[in-house]
Amino acid sequence: MKKFLTSVLLIAGSVIGGLLVWRKVEADRTDDLWAEAEKASADLDAARTVQH
């Protein structure tokens, strides 16, 4: 029974750790996409300013 409980806790800990890492990776990816979109918007604004 002790071996089973240890195995369950190990698997649960691994799953929780994996979820936390996944959330961090997704948050970083979202931030990168947001920064890229802001840069593209600034580039478009600069191009429009030059045209007028």
Protein backbone atom coordinates (compact mmCIF):
# COMPACT_ATOMS: atom_id res chain seq x y z
CA MET A 1 0.00 0.00 0.00
CA LYS A 2 2.86 2.39 0.82
CA LYS A 3 4.45 1.77 -2.60
CA PHE A 4 1.12 2.49 -4.32
CA LEU A 5 0.63 5.73 -2.38
CA THR A 6 4.19 6.83 -3.18
CA SER A 7 3.60 6.12 -6.86
CA VAL A 8 0.33 8.07 -6.88
CA LEU A 9 1.96 11.06 -5.18
CA LEU A 10 4.89 10.96 -7.59
CA ILE A 11 2.59 10.90 -10.62
CA ALA A 12 0.38 13.66 -9.17
CA GLY A 13 3.44 15.82 -8.46
CA SER A 14 4.72 15.28 -11.99
CA VAL A 15 1.35 16.23 -13.48
CA ILE A 16 1.12 19.38 -11.37
CA GLY A 17 4.70 20.34 -12.27
CA GLY A 18 3.98 19.75 -15.95
CA LEU A 19 0.87 21.91 -15.83
CA LEU A 20 2.74 24.76 -14.16
CA VAL A 21 5.50 24.61 -16.77
CA TRP A 22 2.93 24.46 -19.59
CA ARG A 23 1.12 27.54 -18.21
CA LYS A 24 4.42 29.47 -18.02
CA VAL A 25 5.36 28.52 -21.58
CA GLU A 26 1.93 29.54 -22.89
CA ALA A 27 2.07 32.85 -20.98
CA ASP A 28 5.50 33.61 -22.45
CA ARG A 29 4.30 32.71 -25.95
CA THR A 30 1.28 34.98 -25.55
CA ASP A 31 3.51 37.83 -24.38
CA ASP A 32 5.78 37.32 -27.40
CA LEU A 33 2.81 37.40 -29.76
CA TRP A 34 1.50 40.55 -28.06
CA ALA A 35 4.88 42.28 -28.40
CA GLU A 36 5.07 41.27 -32.06
CA ALA A 37 1.58 42.65 -32.71
CA GLU A 38 2.47 45.95 -30.99
CA LYS A 39 5.61 46.26 -33.13
CA ALA A 40 3.65 45.58 -36.32
CA SER A 41 1.08 48.19 -35.29
CA ALA A 42 3.81 50.75 -34.60
CA ASP A 43 5.38 50.00 -37.99
CA LEU A 44 2.02 50.54 -39.71
CA ASP A 45 1.46 53.80 -37.84
CA ALA A 46 4.93 55.00 -38.85
CA ALA A 47 4.26 54.11 -42.48
CA ARG A 48 0.95 55.98 -42.44
CA THR A 49 2.61 59.04 -40.91
CA VAL A 50 5.24 59.07 -43.67
CA GLN A 51 2.55 58.82 -46.38
CA HIS A 52 0.59 61.83 -45.11
